[in-house]
């Protein structure tokens, strides 16, 4: 009885704190007065009661898939989140109003708008709001708005990153800097494979972002299970094994010693890519809560491999990516137009296989994300008792 009363009191306190914090955030970010963030009633109630909520982006709806697959996928993803105990909160800007949680009518409107809705990163939020426009939020914008209303878990297909040849073009997604300054956990299938995955992971390390691989020792590559970037422990063990093999080769005078040394050096370049491995939603929740209590101020990236039976051949994907990149360069397609072009072109070149994989991985991420959000809500409730 006493425990129940304490739980209700904590929920009431959380509700009051949430409202106060949201008002402060609005003032700090200059969107007070007549401009407000519209939070769906279902989402608002769940947040006030300390229940699990999963934020979802909207660029994948407007720019990631054609109609009507985008609408069907959006509805299915929200259903998966609900079926696993959490409340979905798709984020977008409609008629100049940032919205956290969309109705079915609003989802359909966004899906039919397609690319007519502006692809909105963090830098674009003020402009879209000021002109009363419609914006499909990217990872960075979605993280920012989720953080404003205190949603700790966000699900997407894959994040942006350092583009191939980014060391020359300096084309680096704002998703990465957002992860470095916004305490929201992003659950995805890794970095989009059209990008430079090793450089992206190096950049995240520079920003102090914890990168965790879910139930694997290797960082996934969006359409495929592995990018070849291992977590520290697994790669270290593998190198120890190879080093032992090298010693054996020396003793027997084998001429393949140079090849094995080169393999070790190649592996050494990929061993510092993933911070840690997590194997359960509860482990993810503890990681998120530790990050929050330490007030590190950064997000967390939890990379979930696409299910093996739904992945696409790495060779087929890479071949399509190389052709699409060449076409993009020849057509001078750059900036925020490049990623949608590349994803669409890769889908054409793979005969629709990449889109099917994209849909499958988003659904899988939603499943894991909902379970993590529920585990986090339970952990926080237990800590307050």
Protein backbone atom coordinates (compact mmCIF):
# COMPACT_ATOMS: atom_id res chain seq x y z
CA UNK A 1 0.00 0.00 0.00
CA UNK A 2 2.78 2.40 1.02
CA UNK A 3 4.80 1.44 -2.06
CA UNK A 4 1.80 2.14 -4.30
CA UNK A 5 1.29 5.55 -2.72
CA UNK A 6 4.96 6.44 -3.18
CA UNK A 7 4.78 5.35 -6.83
CA UNK A 8 1.74 7.59 -7.43
CA UNK A 9 3.47 10.50 -5.71
CA UNK A 10 6.56 10.04 -7.89
CA UNK A 11 4.41 9.97 -11.02
CA UNK A 12 2.72 13.21 -9.95
CA UNK A 13 6.09 14.84 -9.25
CA UNK A 14 7.40 13.67 -12.63
CA UNK A 15 4.34 15.10 -14.35
CA UNK A 16 4.83 18.51 -12.71
CA UNK A 17 8.58 18.51 -13.40
CA UNK A 18 8.01 17.55 -17.02
CA UNK A 19 5.67 20.47 -17.63
CA UNK A 20 8.07 22.92 -15.94
CA UNK A 21 11.07 21.61 -17.87
CA UNK A 22 9.24 21.76 -21.21
CA UNK A 23 8.31 25.42 -20.58
CA UNK A 24 11.93 26.24 -19.74
CA UNK A 25 13.17 24.48 -22.85
CA UNK A 26 10.72 26.47 -24.99
CA UNK A 27 11.97 29.75 -23.49
CA UNK A 28 15.64 28.85 -23.84
CA UNK A 29 15.21 27.89 -27.48
CA UNK A 30 13.19 30.95 -28.35
CA UNK A 31 9.95 29.20 -29.25
CA UNK A 32 7.81 30.48 -26.40
CA UNK A 33 4.62 32.49 -26.75
CA UNK A 34 2.41 31.48 -29.65
CA UNK A 35 4.84 28.87 -31.04
CA UNK A 36 4.63 25.58 -29.13
CA UNK A 37 5.72 22.00 -29.44
CA UNK A 38 2.60 19.91 -29.93
CA UNK A 39 2.81 16.68 -27.91
CA UNK A 40 0.14 14.08 -28.71
CA UNK A 41 -2.15 13.31 -25.78
CA UNK A 42 -1.13 9.63 -25.74
CA UNK A 43 2.56 10.58 -25.60
CA UNK A 44 2.04 13.29 -22.99
CA UNK A 45 0.11 10.94 -20.71
CA UNK A 46 2.74 8.20 -21.04
CA UNK A 47 5.56 10.62 -20.21
CA UNK A 48 3.73 12.03 -17.20
CA UNK A 49 3.17 8.51 -15.85
CA UNK A 50 6.76 7.42 -16.47
CA UNK A 51 5.75 4.83 -19.08
CA UNK A 52 7.88 3.76 -22.03
CA UNK A 53 7.88 6.05 -25.08
CA UNK A 54 9.84 5.54 -28.31
CA UNK A 55 10.58 8.51 -30.56
CA UNK A 56 10.56 7.91 -34.33
CA UNK A 57 11.86 10.09 -37.15
CA UNK A 58 9.86 11.11 -40.21
CA UNK A 59 12.45 11.56 -42.97
CA UNK A 60 12.25 7.83 -43.61
CA UNK A 61 8.54 8.35 -44.35
CA UNK A 62 8.88 11.28 -46.74
CA UNK A 63 12.31 10.71 -48.28
CA UNK A 64 13.27 7.11 -47.50
CA UNK A 65 10.52 5.13 -49.21
CA UNK A 66 7.95 5.60 -51.99
CA UNK A 67 4.21 5.92 -51.30
CA UNK A 68 2.31 3.83 -50.20
CA UNK A 69 5.09 1.65 -48.74
CA UNK A 70 6.18 4.57 -46.57
CA UNK A 71 2.73 4.89 -44.96
CA UNK A 72 2.32 1.13 -44.51
CA UNK A 73 5.78 0.88 -42.94
CA UNK A 74 5.15 3.84 -40.61
CA UNK A 75 1.90 2.29 -39.38
CA UNK A 76 3.50 -1.14 -38.93
CA UNK A 77 6.46 0.32 -37.02
CA UNK A 78 4.13 2.17 -34.65
CA UNK A 79 2.13 -1.04 -34.16
CA UNK A 80 5.29 -2.98 -33.31
CA UNK A 81 6.22 -0.37 -30.69
CA UNK A 82 2.74 -0.61 -29.13
CA UNK A 83 2.66 -4.42 -29.21
CA UNK A 84 5.87 -4.45 -27.18
CA UNK A 85 4.60 -2.19 -24.43
CA UNK A 86 5.70 1.30 -25.47
CA UNK A 87 4.02 4.38 -26.95
CA UNK A 88 5.28 5.52 -30.39
CA UNK A 89 6.02 9.22 -30.90
CA UNK A 90 6.70 10.00 -34.56
CA UNK A 91 8.25 13.46 -34.85
CA UNK A 92 7.67 15.99 -37.64
CA UNK A 93 6.92 19.66 -38.26
CA UNK A 94 3.47 20.36 -39.70
CA UNK A 95 2.34 23.85 -40.69
CA UNK A 96 5.21 25.31 -38.70
CA UNK A 97 4.44 23.39 -35.50
CA UNK A 98 6.90 20.81 -34.16
CA UNK A 99 4.85 17.69 -33.41
CA UNK A 100 5.87 14.85 -31.10
CA UNK A 101 3.43 12.03 -31.82
CA UNK A 102 1.31 12.01 -34.99
CA UNK A 103 -2.27 10.94 -35.57
CA UNK A 104 -3.08 8.51 -38.38
CA UNK A 105 -4.33 11.46 -40.46
CA UNK A 106 -1.08 13.34 -39.88
CA UNK A 107 0.98 10.26 -40.79
CA UNK A 108 -0.95 9.88 -44.03
CA UNK A 109 -0.53 13.55 -44.83
CA UNK A 110 3.23 13.33 -44.35
CA UNK A 111 3.44 10.15 -46.43
CA UNK A 112 1.53 11.71 -49.33
CA UNK A 113 3.60 14.91 -49.13
CA UNK A 114 6.69 12.84 -49.73
CA UNK A 115 9.69 14.92 -50.78
CA UNK A 116 7.53 18.07 -50.76
CA UNK A 117 8.07 18.03 -47.01
CA UNK A 118 11.44 19.62 -46.34
CA UNK A 119 14.16 17.30 -45.11
CA UNK A 120 14.77 18.94 -41.74
CA UNK A 121 17.97 18.61 -39.75
CA UNK A 122 18.64 20.55 -36.53
CA UNK A 123 19.87 23.58 -38.50
CA UNK A 124 16.58 23.76 -40.45
CA UNK A 125 14.09 23.63 -37.54
CA UNK A 126 13.88 27.40 -36.98
CA UNK A 127 13.49 28.11 -40.70
CA UNK A 128 10.70 25.55 -41.21
CA UNK A 129 8.88 26.80 -38.10
CA UNK A 130 9.30 30.48 -39.06
CA UNK A 131 7.79 30.02 -42.52
CA UNK A 132 5.00 27.73 -41.32
CA UNK A 133 6.29 24.89 -43.44
CA UNK A 134 6.18 21.10 -43.32
CA UNK A 135 9.34 19.31 -42.25
CA UNK A 136 10.30 15.66 -42.12
CA UNK A 137 12.80 15.45 -39.28
CA UNK A 138 16.14 13.71 -39.65
CA UNK A 139 17.94 11.97 -36.78
CA UNK A 140 19.46 15.24 -35.51
CA UNK A 141 16.19 17.19 -35.51
CA UNK A 142 14.24 14.26 -34.06
CA UNK A 143 16.80 13.83 -31.26
CA UNK A 144 16.62 17.52 -30.42
CA UNK A 145 12.80 17.55 -30.21
CA UNK A 146 12.71 14.22 -28.34
CA UNK A 147 15.15 15.63 -25.80
CA UNK A 148 13.00 18.74 -25.32
CA UNK A 149 10.12 16.61 -24.04
CA UNK A 150 12.38 14.10 -22.25
CA UNK A 151 11.96 11.03 -24.48
CA UNK A 152 15.17 9.04 -23.84
CA UNK A 153 14.89 6.37 -26.58
CA UNK A 154 14.78 7.03 -30.31
CA UNK A 155 14.54 4.47 -33.13
CA UNK A 156 15.57 4.93 -36.73
CA UNK A 157 16.78 2.81 -39.66
CA UNK A 158 20.37 4.03 -39.72
CA UNK A 159 22.20 7.21 -38.87
CA UNK A 160 24.05 9.56 -41.18
CA UNK A 161 27.80 9.86 -40.90
CA UNK A 162 31.00 10.78 -42.65
CA UNK A 163 30.49 10.51 -46.39
CA UNK A 164 32.93 8.58 -48.53
CA UNK A 165 35.85 10.89 -49.34
CA UNK A 166 34.62 13.04 -46.45
CA UNK A 167 38.23 13.93 -45.59
CA UNK A 168 38.19 16.05 -48.79
CA UNK A 169 34.57 17.25 -48.93
CA UNK A 170 34.01 17.66 -45.16
CA UNK A 171 30.52 16.24 -45.77
CA UNK A 172 29.66 14.99 -42.27
CA UNK A 173 26.09 14.45 -41.05
CA UNK A 174 24.79 16.59 -38.19
CA UNK A 175 23.48 13.31 -36.73
CA UNK A 176 26.97 12.79 -35.31
CA UNK A 177 27.30 16.16 -33.60
CA UNK A 178 23.79 15.73 -32.20
CA UNK A 179 24.85 12.43 -30.66
CA UNK A 180 27.75 14.31 -29.11
CA UNK A 181 25.56 16.89 -27.35
CA UNK A 182 22.07 15.46 -26.85
CA UNK A 183 21.41 12.74 -24.22
CA UNK A 184 19.10 10.57 -26.29
CA UNK A 185 19.82 6.90 -27.10
CA UNK A 186 19.59 6.06 -30.79
CA UNK A 187 18.74 2.47 -31.70
CA UNK A 188 19.43 1.67 -35.33
CA UNK A 189 21.07 -0.78 -37.74
CA UNK A 190 24.30 1.18 -37.72
CA UNK A 191 25.56 3.76 -40.19
CA UNK A 192 24.02 3.80 -43.66
CA UNK A 193 26.30 1.64 -45.77
CA UNK A 194 26.54 4.28 -48.51
CA UNK A 195 28.79 6.17 -46.05
CA UNK A 196 32.31 5.66 -44.68
CA UNK A 197 31.63 3.52 -41.60
CA UNK A 198 35.16 3.38 -40.08
CA UNK A 199 35.59 7.18 -40.33
CA UNK A 200 32.13 7.70 -38.86
CA UNK A 201 32.99 5.55 -35.86
CA UNK A 202 36.28 7.39 -35.40
CA UNK A 203 34.38 10.70 -35.41
CA UNK A 204 31.90 9.42 -32.83
CA UNK A 205 34.82 8.38 -30.64
CA UNK A 206 36.21 11.93 -30.91
CA UNK A 207 32.84 13.27 -29.75
CA UNK A 208 32.84 10.93 -26.75
CA UNK A 209 29.78 9.00 -27.89
CA UNK A 210 29.34 5.47 -26.50
CA UNK A 211 28.78 3.05 -29.38
CA UNK A 212 27.37 -0.34 -28.41
CA UNK A 213 26.77 -3.38 -30.63
CA UNK A 214 23.67 -5.40 -29.75
CA UNK A 215 24.21 -9.16 -29.38
CA UNK A 216 27.28 -9.05 -31.60
CA UNK A 217 30.99 -8.28 -31.54
CA UNK A 218 30.92 -6.49 -34.88
CA UNK A 219 29.39 -3.17 -35.86
CA UNK A 220 26.57 -3.77 -38.39
CA UNK A 221 26.56 -2.16 -41.83
CA UNK A 222 22.87 -1.31 -42.25
CA UNK A 223 21.90 -3.66 -45.11
CA UNK A 224 24.29 -6.36 -43.89
CA UNK A 225 25.10 -7.83 -40.48
CA UNK A 226 28.72 -6.77 -40.26
CA UNK A 227 30.97 -3.91 -41.31
CA UNK A 228 34.12 -5.68 -40.12
CA UNK A 229 34.50 -3.24 -37.21
CA UNK A 230 34.79 -5.37 -34.10
CA UNK A 231 34.45 -4.44 -30.46
CA UNK A 232 37.71 -4.13 -28.55
CA UNK A 233 37.58 -7.40 -26.62
CA UNK A 234 36.70 -9.66 -29.56
CA UNK A 235 39.22 -8.08 -31.92
CA UNK A 236 41.92 -8.18 -29.26
CA UNK A 237 41.34 -11.89 -28.75
CA UNK A 238 41.46 -12.47 -32.50
CA UNK A 239 44.74 -10.60 -32.81
CA UNK A 240 46.22 -12.63 -29.94
CA UNK A 241 45.28 -15.79 -31.82
CA UNK A 242 46.89 -14.47 -35.01
CA UNK A 243 50.01 -13.42 -33.11
CA UNK A 244 50.32 -16.95 -31.73
CA UNK A 245 49.92 -18.26 -35.25
CA UNK A 246 52.70 -15.93 -36.42
CA UNK A 247 55.06 -17.35 -33.78
CA UNK A 248 54.31 -20.83 -35.04
CA UNK A 249 54.97 -19.72 -38.61
CA UNK A 250 58.35 -18.27 -37.63
CA UNK A 251 59.35 -21.52 -35.98
CA UNK A 252 58.47 -23.57 -39.02
CA UNK A 253 59.94 -21.03 -41.48
CA UNK A 254 56.73 -20.52 -43.41
CA UNK A 255 56.93 -17.92 -46.21
CA UNK A 256 53.41 -16.59 -45.47
CA UNK A 257 54.64 -14.59 -42.46
CA UNK A 258 54.42 -11.26 -44.31
CA UNK A 259 50.81 -11.93 -45.26
CA UNK A 260 49.83 -12.71 -41.69
CA UNK A 261 51.57 -9.57 -40.40
CA UNK A 262 49.63 -7.52 -42.92
CA UNK A 263 46.41 -9.13 -41.71
CA UNK A 264 47.26 -8.16 -38.13
CA UNK A 265 47.95 -4.56 -39.14
CA UNK A 266 44.68 -4.40 -41.06
CA UNK A 267 42.76 -5.78 -38.10
CA UNK A 268 44.55 -3.41 -35.74
CA UNK A 269 43.04 -0.51 -37.70
CA UNK A 270 39.52 -1.68 -36.94
CA UNK A 271 39.69 -2.82 -33.33
CA UNK A 272 38.92 0.49 -31.60
CA UNK A 273 35.62 1.11 -33.32
CA UNK A 274 32.94 -0.14 -30.95
CA UNK A 275 32.92 0.86 -27.28
CA UNK A 276 30.99 -2.10 -25.92
CA UNK A 277 28.57 -4.96 -26.45
CA UNK A 278 25.10 -5.23 -24.92
CA UNK A 279 23.04 -8.41 -25.02
CA UNK A 280 19.66 -7.62 -23.43
CA UNK A 281 17.20 -4.71 -23.20
CA UNK A 282 17.93 -4.59 -19.47
CA UNK A 283 21.65 -4.19 -20.13
CA UNK A 284 20.85 -1.37 -22.56
CA UNK A 285 18.66 0.28 -19.93
CA UNK A 286 21.43 0.18 -17.33
CA UNK A 287 23.84 1.73 -19.84
CA UNK A 288 21.37 4.54 -20.62
CA UNK A 289 20.67 5.23 -16.96
CA UNK A 290 24.38 5.30 -16.08
CA UNK A 291 25.00 7.76 -18.93
CA UNK A 292 22.13 9.90 -17.62
CA UNK A 293 23.18 9.82 -13.95
CA UNK A 294 26.77 10.68 -14.83
CA UNK A 295 25.43 13.71 -16.75
CA UNK A 296 27.81 13.02 -19.62
CA UNK A 297 25.57 15.08 -21.89
CA UNK A 298 26.06 12.78 -24.88
CA UNK A 299 23.79 10.36 -26.64
CA UNK A 300 24.36 6.62 -27.01
CA UNK A 301 24.34 4.67 -30.26
CA UNK A 302 23.07 1.09 -30.00
CA UNK A 303 23.65 -0.73 -33.27
CA UNK A 304 21.35 -3.68 -33.97
CA UNK A 305 22.27 -6.02 -36.85
CA UNK A 306 19.61 -6.67 -39.46
CA UNK A 307 18.25 -10.25 -39.11
CA UNK A 308 20.40 -12.53 -41.24
CA UNK A 309 17.51 -13.88 -43.30
CA UNK A 310 16.56 -10.32 -44.33
CA UNK A 311 20.03 -8.95 -45.09
CA UNK A 312 21.30 -8.22 -48.57
CA UNK A 313 24.54 -9.58 -50.02
CA UNK A 314 27.40 -7.27 -49.14
CA UNK A 315 28.93 -7.69 -52.61
CA UNK A 316 25.68 -6.76 -54.36
CA UNK A 317 25.15 -3.73 -52.10
CA UNK A 318 28.73 -2.45 -52.48
CA UNK A 319 28.61 -2.81 -56.26
CA UNK A 320 25.35 -0.84 -56.38
CA UNK A 321 26.73 1.82 -54.02
CA UNK A 322 29.84 2.35 -56.15
CA UNK A 323 27.73 2.80 -59.29
CA UNK A 324 25.32 5.17 -57.49
CA UNK A 325 28.21 7.23 -56.09
CA UNK A 326 29.70 7.57 -59.57
CA UNK A 327 26.34 8.76 -60.93
CA UNK A 328 25.95 11.23 -58.06
CA UNK A 329 29.38 12.72 -58.78
CA UNK A 330 28.65 12.96 -62.51
CA UNK A 331 25.31 14.69 -61.81
CA UNK A 332 26.84 16.92 -59.10
CA UNK A 333 24.36 15.70 -56.48
CA UNK A 334 25.70 16.80 -53.10
CA UNK A 335 24.63 17.91 -49.63
CA UNK A 336 21.37 16.69 -48.11
CA UNK A 337 20.14 15.59 -51.56
CA UNK A 338 22.86 12.97 -51.86
CA UNK A 339 21.68 10.39 -49.31
CA UNK A 340 18.06 10.14 -50.62
CA UNK A 341 19.42 9.88 -54.18
CA UNK A 342 21.91 7.15 -53.26
CA UNK A 343 19.36 5.09 -51.31
CA UNK A 344 16.82 5.32 -54.14
CA UNK A 345 19.40 4.46 -56.80
CA UNK A 346 20.81 1.54 -54.80
CA UNK A 347 17.27 0.21 -54.47
CA UNK A 348 16.83 0.39 -58.25
CA UNK A 349 20.16 -1.30 -58.90
CA UNK A 350 19.41 -4.12 -56.46
CA UNK A 351 15.96 -4.74 -57.93
CA UNK A 352 14.18 -3.63 -54.76
CA UNK A 353 16.25 -5.85 -52.44
CA UNK A 354 17.72 -2.91 -50.51
CA UNK A 355 14.26 -1.40 -49.85
CA UNK A 356 12.98 -4.74 -48.57
CA UNK A 357 15.99 -4.93 -46.25
CA UNK A 358 15.45 -1.33 -45.17
CA UNK A 359 11.85 -2.02 -44.16
CA UNK A 360 12.85 -5.20 -42.33
CA UNK A 361 15.62 -3.53 -40.33
CA UNK A 362 13.41 -0.60 -39.30
CA UNK A 363 10.81 -3.02 -37.94
CA UNK A 364 13.48 -5.00 -36.10
CA UNK A 365 14.89 -1.79 -34.61
CA UNK A 366 11.40 -0.80 -33.45
CA UNK A 367 11.02 -4.16 -31.72
CA UNK A 368 14.34 -3.81 -29.87
CA UNK A 369 13.77 -0.12 -29.18
CA UNK A 370 10.39 -0.73 -27.55
CA UNK A 371 11.86 -3.46 -25.33
CA UNK A 372 14.71 -1.15 -24.29
CA UNK A 373 12.28 1.70 -23.52
CA UNK A 374 10.15 -0.63 -21.38
CA UNK A 375 13.23 -1.93 -19.53
CA UNK A 376 14.37 1.65 -18.91
CA UNK A 377 10.95 2.70 -17.58
CA UNK A 378 10.91 -0.32 -15.25
CA UNK A 379 14.45 0.39 -14.05
CA UNK A 380 13.57 3.99 -13.22
CA UNK A 381 10.37 2.98 -11.47
CA UNK A 382 12.25 0.42 -9.34
CA UNK A 383 14.86 3.03 -8.41
CA UNK A 384 12.14 5.38 -7.13
CA UNK A 385 10.53 2.84 -4.84
